[in-house]
C-alpha atoms as a PDB file:
ATOM      1  CA  MET A   1      -0.968   6.403  -4.971  1.00  0.00           C
ATOM      2  CA  LEU A   2      -1.235   8.687  -1.705  1.00  0.00           C
ATOM      3  CA  LEU A   3      -4.920   9.356  -2.574  1.00  0.00           C
ATOM      4  CA  THR A   4      -5.578   5.601  -2.958  1.00  0.00           C
ATOM      5  CA  ILE A   5      -3.572   4.901   0.056  1.00  0.00           C
ATOM      6  CA  LEU A   6      -5.321   7.339   2.503  1.00  0.00           C
ATOM      7  CA  THR A   7      -8.752   7.159   1.125  1.00  0.00           C
ATOM      8  CA  GLY A   8      -9.117   4.241  -1.155  1.00  0.00           C
ATOM      9  CA  CYS A   9     -10.285   6.514  -3.800  1.00  0.00           C
ATOM     10  CA  ASP A  10     -11.450   4.905  -7.111  1.00  0.00           C
ATOM     11  CA  MET A  11     -12.051   8.021  -9.174  1.00  0.00           C
ATOM     12  CA  THR A  12     -12.198   8.243 -12.906  1.00  0.00           C
ATOM     13  CA  GLU A  13      -9.457  10.369 -14.921  1.00  0.00           C
ATOM     14  CA  LYS A  14      -6.784   8.885 -13.151  1.00  0.00           C
ATOM     15  CA  ASP A  15      -3.059   8.627 -14.127  1.00  0.00           C
ATOM     16  CA  SER A  16      -1.166   5.362 -14.002  1.00  0.00           C
ATOM     17  CA  ASP A  17      -0.558   5.990 -10.155  1.00  0.00           C
ATOM     18  CA  GLY A  18      -4.310   6.071  -9.427  1.00  0.00           C
ATOM     19  CA  VAL A  19      -4.412   9.839  -8.438  1.00  0.00           C
ATOM     20  CA  PRO A  20      -6.964  11.792 -10.329  1.00  0.00           C
ATOM     21  CA  PHE A  21      -5.726  15.307 -12.002  1.00  0.00           C
ATOM     22  CA  SER A  22      -7.517  18.309 -10.127  1.00  0.00           C
ATOM     23  CA  GLY A  23      -6.343  20.766 -12.620  1.00  0.00           C
ATOM     24  CA  MET A  24      -4.022  23.783 -12.446  1.00  0.00           C
ATOM     25  CA  SER A  25      -3.967  25.808  -9.416  1.00  0.00           C
ATOM     26  CA  THR A  26      -1.692  27.672  -6.839  1.00  0.00           C
ATOM     27  CA  SER A  27      -1.164  25.668  -3.600  1.00  0.00           C
ATOM     28  CA  LEU A  28      -2.973  28.501  -1.517  1.00  0.00           C
ATOM     29  CA  ASP A  29      -6.082  28.128  -3.755  1.00  0.00           C
ATOM     30  CA  ALA A  30      -6.106  24.511  -3.767  1.00  0.00           C
ATOM     31  CA  ALA A  31      -5.963  24.571  -0.073  1.00  0.00           C
ATOM     32  CA  ASP A  32      -8.838  26.874   0.071  1.00  0.00           C
ATOM     33  CA  ALA A  33     -10.800  24.534  -2.024  1.00  0.00           C
ATOM     34  CA  MET A  34     -10.011  21.527   0.058  1.00  0.00           C
ATOM     35  CA  GLU A  35     -10.978  23.374   3.315  1.00  0.00           C
ATOM     36  CA  ARG A  36     -14.284  24.197   1.652  1.00  0.00           C
ATOM     37  CA  VAL A  37     -14.830  20.728   1.019  1.00  0.00           C
ATOM     38  CA  SER A  38     -14.088  19.900   4.689  1.00  0.00           C
ATOM     39  CA  SER A  39     -16.680  22.700   5.707  1.00  0.00           C
ATOM     40  CA  GLU A  40     -19.397  21.124   3.350  1.00  0.00           C
ATOM     41  CA  ILE A  41     -18.661  17.742   5.088  1.00  0.00           C
ATOM     42  CA  TYR A  42     -18.872  19.374   8.442  1.00  0.00           C
ATOM     43  CA  ASP A  43     -22.371  20.696   7.553  1.00  0.00           C
ATOM     44  CA  LEU A  44     -23.366  17.182   6.587  1.00  0.00           C
ATOM     45  CA  ILE A  45     -22.675  15.764   9.997  1.00  0.00           C
ATOM     46  CA  GLY A  46     -25.817  17.693  11.305  1.00  0.00           C
ATOM     47  CA  VAL A  47     -24.930  17.119  15.046  1.00  0.00           C
ATOM     48  CA  LYS A  48     -23.960  19.848  17.434  1.00  0.00           C
ATOM     49  CA  GLY A  49     -20.316  19.653  18.299  1.00  0.00           C
ATOM     50  CA  GLU A  50     -16.875  21.303  17.443  1.00  0.00           C
ATOM     51  CA  ALA A  51     -14.365  20.859  14.715  1.00  0.00           C
ATOM     52  CA  SER A  52     -10.594  21.037  15.589  1.00  0.00           C
ATOM     53  CA  ASP A  53      -8.774  24.160  14.222  1.00  0.00           C
ATOM     54  CA  SER A  54      -6.619  22.534  11.664  1.00  0.00           C
ATOM     55  CA  HIS A  55      -5.030  23.655   8.467  1.00  0.00           C
ATOM     56  CA  SER A  56      -4.274  21.960   5.126  1.00  0.00           C
ATOM     57  CA  THR A  57      -0.836  21.070   4.015  1.00  0.00           C
ATOM     58  CA  VAL A  58       0.797  20.414   0.702  1.00  0.00           C
ATOM     59  CA  THR A  59       2.059  17.016  -0.187  1.00  0.00           C
ATOM     60  CA  GLU A  60       3.867  15.571  -3.133  1.00  0.00           C
ATOM     61  CA  CYS A  61       2.008  13.710  -6.022  1.00  0.00           C
ATOM     62  CA  PRO A  62       3.471  10.211  -6.247  1.00  0.00           C
ATOM     63  CA  GLY A  63       5.451   9.592  -9.316  1.00  0.00           C
ATOM     64  CA  ARG A  64       5.431  13.218 -10.374  1.00  0.00           C
ATOM     65  CA  ASP A  65       7.765  16.147 -10.528  1.00  0.00           C
ATOM     66  CA  GLU A  66       7.611  17.524  -7.027  1.00  0.00           C
ATOM     67  CA  ASN A  67       8.300  21.083  -8.494  1.00  0.00           C
ATOM     68  CA  THR A  68       5.167  20.971 -10.603  1.00  0.00           C
ATOM     69  CA  TYR A  69       2.547  18.783  -9.050  1.00  0.00           C
ATOM     70  CA  PHE A  70       1.238  18.654  -5.568  1.00  0.00           C
ATOM     71  CA  GLN A  71      -1.773  17.479  -3.543  1.00  0.00           C
ATOM     72  CA  ILE A  72      -3.641  19.088  -0.559  1.00  0.00           C
ATOM     73  CA  LEU A  73      -4.264  17.328   2.591  1.00  0.00           C
ATOM     74  CA  HIS A  74      -6.661  18.601   5.296  1.00  0.00           C
ATOM     75  CA  PRO A  75      -6.943  16.486   8.416  1.00  0.00           C
ATOM     76  CA  TRP A  76      -9.236  17.562  11.254  1.00  0.00           C
ATOM     77  CA  SER A  77     -11.332  16.151  13.957  1.00  0.00           C
ATOM     78  CA  PHE A  78     -15.169  16.416  15.101  1.00  0.00           C
ATOM     79  CA  TYR A  79     -15.962  16.251  18.728  1.00  0.00           C
ATOM     80  CA  PRO A  80     -19.731  15.956  19.333  1.00  0.00           C
ATOM     81  CA  ALA A  81     -21.363  18.140  22.113  1.00  0.00           C
ATOM     82  CA  ALA A  82     -22.675  15.063  23.741  1.00  0.00           C
ATOM     83  CA  ALA A  83     -20.453  11.875  23.688  1.00  0.00           C
ATOM     84  CA  SER A  84     -23.772   9.918  22.987  1.00  0.00           C
ATOM     85  CA  ASP A  85     -23.927  11.579  19.716  1.00  0.00           C
ATOM     86  CA  ILE A  86     -20.926  10.110  17.879  1.00  0.00           C
ATOM     87  CA  ASP A  87     -22.972   7.401  16.477  1.00  0.00           C
ATOM     88  CA  SER A  88     -25.675   9.747  15.058  1.00  0.00           C
ATOM     89  CA  ALA A  89     -22.666  11.908  13.486  1.00  0.00           C
ATOM     90  CA  MET A  90     -21.168   8.979  11.663  1.00  0.00           C
ATOM     91  CA  ASP A  91     -24.699   7.682  10.615  1.00  0.00           C
ATOM     92  CA  ARG A  92     -25.572  10.885   9.241  1.00  0.00           C
ATOM     93  CA  LEU A  93     -22.320  11.182   7.296  1.00  0.00           C
ATOM     94  CA  LYS A  94     -23.069   7.809   5.753  1.00  0.00           C
ATOM     95  CA  GLU A  95     -26.462   8.738   4.837  1.00  0.00           C
ATOM     96  CA  GLU A  96     -25.708  12.280   3.589  1.00  0.00           C
ATOM     97  CA  LEU A  97     -22.384  11.931   1.692  1.00  0.00           C
ATOM     98  CA  PRO A  98     -24.001   9.935  -1.136  1.00  0.00           C
ATOM     99  CA  LYS A  99     -26.787  12.463  -1.391  1.00  0.00           C
ATOM    100  CA  ASN A 100     -24.035  15.184  -2.056  1.00  0.00           C
ATOM    101  CA  GLY A 101     -21.974  13.194  -4.701  1.00  0.00           C
ATOM    102  CA  TRP A 102     -19.836  11.336  -2.686  1.00  0.00           C
ATOM    103  CA  ASN A 103     -19.423   7.394  -3.351  1.00  0.00           C
ATOM    104  CA  ILE A 104     -18.632   5.447  -0.271  1.00  0.00           C
ATOM    105  CA  VAL A 105     -16.049   2.831  -1.294  1.00  0.00           C
ATOM    106  CA  GLU A 106     -15.395   1.337   2.207  1.00  0.00           C
ATOM    107  CA  TYR A 107     -17.269   1.160   5.372  1.00  0.00           C
ATOM    108  CA  GLY A 108     -16.680  -1.159   8.386  1.00  0.00           C
ATOM    109  CA  PRO A 109     -14.557  -1.859  11.539  1.00  0.00           C
ATOM    110  CA  ASP A 110     -10.664  -1.248  11.146  1.00  0.00           C
ATOM    111  CA  ALA A 111      -8.055  -3.518  12.451  1.00  0.00           C
ATOM    112  CA  SER A 112      -7.437  -1.797  15.601  1.00  0.00           C
ATOM    113  CA  LYS A 113      -8.157  -3.278  18.910  1.00  0.00           C
ATOM    114  CA  ASN A 114     -11.100  -0.662  19.535  1.00  0.00           C
ATOM    115  CA  LYS A 115     -12.582  -1.890  16.065  1.00  0.00           C
ATOM    116  CA  ASN A 116     -13.012   1.728  15.155  1.00  0.00           C
ATOM    117  CA  ILE A 117     -15.376   2.332  12.192  1.00  0.00           C
ATOM    118  CA  ARG A 118     -13.751   3.575   9.242  1.00  0.00           C
ATOM    119  CA  MET A 119     -15.532   5.200   6.052  1.00  0.00           C
ATOM    120  CA  ILE A 120     -13.807   6.004   2.809  1.00  0.00           C
ATOM    121  CA  ALA A 121     -15.627   7.953   0.196  1.00  0.00           C
ATOM    122  CA  ASP A 122     -14.660   9.981  -2.873  1.00  0.00           C
ATOM    123  CA  ASN A 123     -16.137  12.649  -5.042  1.00  0.00           C
ATOM    124  CA  GLU A 124     -15.329  12.684  -8.690  1.00  0.00           C
ATOM    125  CA  LYS A 125     -16.752  16.178  -9.245  1.00  0.00           C
ATOM    126  CA  LYS A 126     -14.574  17.656  -6.539  1.00  0.00           C
ATOM    127  CA  LYS A 127     -11.599  15.452  -7.286  1.00  0.00           C
ATOM    128  CA  ALA A 128     -11.289  14.830  -3.578  1.00  0.00           C
ATOM    129  CA  GLY A 129     -11.577  11.766  -1.105  1.00  0.00           C
ATOM    130  CA  VAL A 130     -12.213  11.605   2.566  1.00  0.00           C
ATOM    131  CA  LYS A 131     -11.219   9.010   5.346  1.00  0.00           C
ATOM    132  CA  VAL A 132     -13.575   9.204   8.376  1.00  0.00           C
ATOM    133  CA  ILE A 133     -12.710   7.284  11.523  1.00  0.00           C
ATOM    134  CA  LYS A 134     -15.327   6.837  14.303  1.00  0.00           C
ATOM    135  CA  MET A 135     -13.306   6.875  17.384  1.00  0.00           C
ATOM    136  CA  ALA A 136     -15.943   6.021  20.035  1.00  0.00           C
ATOM    137  CA  LYS A 137     -13.701   4.759  22.736  1.00  0.00           C
ATOM    138  CA  GLU A 138     -11.563   7.857  22.865  1.00  0.00           C
ATOM    139  CA  ASN A 139     -12.021  10.286  25.610  1.00  0.00           C
ATOM    140  CA  PRO A 140     -13.718  12.458  24.371  1.00  0.00           C
ATOM    141  CA  PRO A 141     -15.195  10.365  21.413  1.00  0.00           C
ATOM    142  CA  MET A 142     -14.500  11.930  18.099  1.00  0.00           C
ATOM    143  CA  LEU A 143     -14.490  11.685  14.280  1.00  0.00           C
ATOM    144  CA  SER A 144     -11.169  11.806  12.693  1.00  0.00           C
ATOM    145  CA  LEU A 145     -11.326  13.276   9.076  1.00  0.00           C
ATOM    146  CA  SER A 146      -8.742  13.330   6.280  1.00  0.00           C
ATOM    147  CA  VAL A 147      -9.765  15.238   3.203  1.00  0.00           C
ATOM    148  CA  ILE A 148      -7.297  14.890   0.319  1.00  0.00           C
ATOM    149  CA  SER A 149      -7.407  16.220  -3.282  1.00  0.00           C
ATOM    150  CA  GLY A 150      -6.095  14.760  -6.268  1.00  0.00           C
ATOM    151  CA  CYS A 151      -3.118  15.904  -8.162  1.00  0.00           C
ATOM    152  CA  TYR A 152      -2.772  19.762  -9.046  1.00  0.00           C
ATOM    153  CA  LYS A 153      -0.346  21.350 -11.361  1.00  0.00           C
ATOM    154  CA  ILE A 154       1.183  24.797 -10.428  1.00  0.00           C
ATOM    155  CA  PRO A 155       0.592  27.398 -13.202  1.00  0.00           C
ATOM    156  CA  ASP A 156       3.683  28.262 -15.491  1.00  0.00           C
ATOM    157  CA  GLY A 157       5.721  30.756 -13.746  1.00  0.00           C
ATOM    158  CA  GLN A 158       4.730  29.997 -10.264  1.00  0.00           C
ATOM    159  CA  GLU A 159       6.199  28.018  -7.366  1.00  0.00           C
ATOM    160  CA  ILE A 160       4.373  25.653  -5.006  1.00  0.00           C
ATOM    161  CA  GLN A 161       4.157  27.194  -1.584  1.00  0.00           C
ATOM    162  CA  ARG A 162       4.765  24.356   0.891  1.00  0.00           C
ATOM    163  CA  PHE A 163       2.776  24.675   4.282  1.00  0.00           C
END
């Protein structure tokens, strides 16, 4: 359920816990794949700015053997070069994600006192979900992004590397 909780993903090919199966992979290769997904999302923003230097982490797949299955979470932030571009950055993502295979499953203000705008989207082909939060009242304003994979299975004879 981590994928569903973090991103609200509603992908097909789910197990009973709601998390899609992403195939067999080592954790390093899966992390590289999720970081590529993050890079693709960064390119869709189309606004000058900077991304935080963050790395993926390995998480457990709910209800599955932790020695055999894992997910990859890649959290990062985007800071537009001009604070006034924060709305443009979020608007571009809202427009461009669906053109690139993403299904927006939620969009609107969250329950925080700042009423940050939250967008949740998933991509069946990539077996990935993303949660984007526009934090316009932060100093500096930013988009907070969390990209998460479906559940991977480690190949026979290999061990999950935790990072």
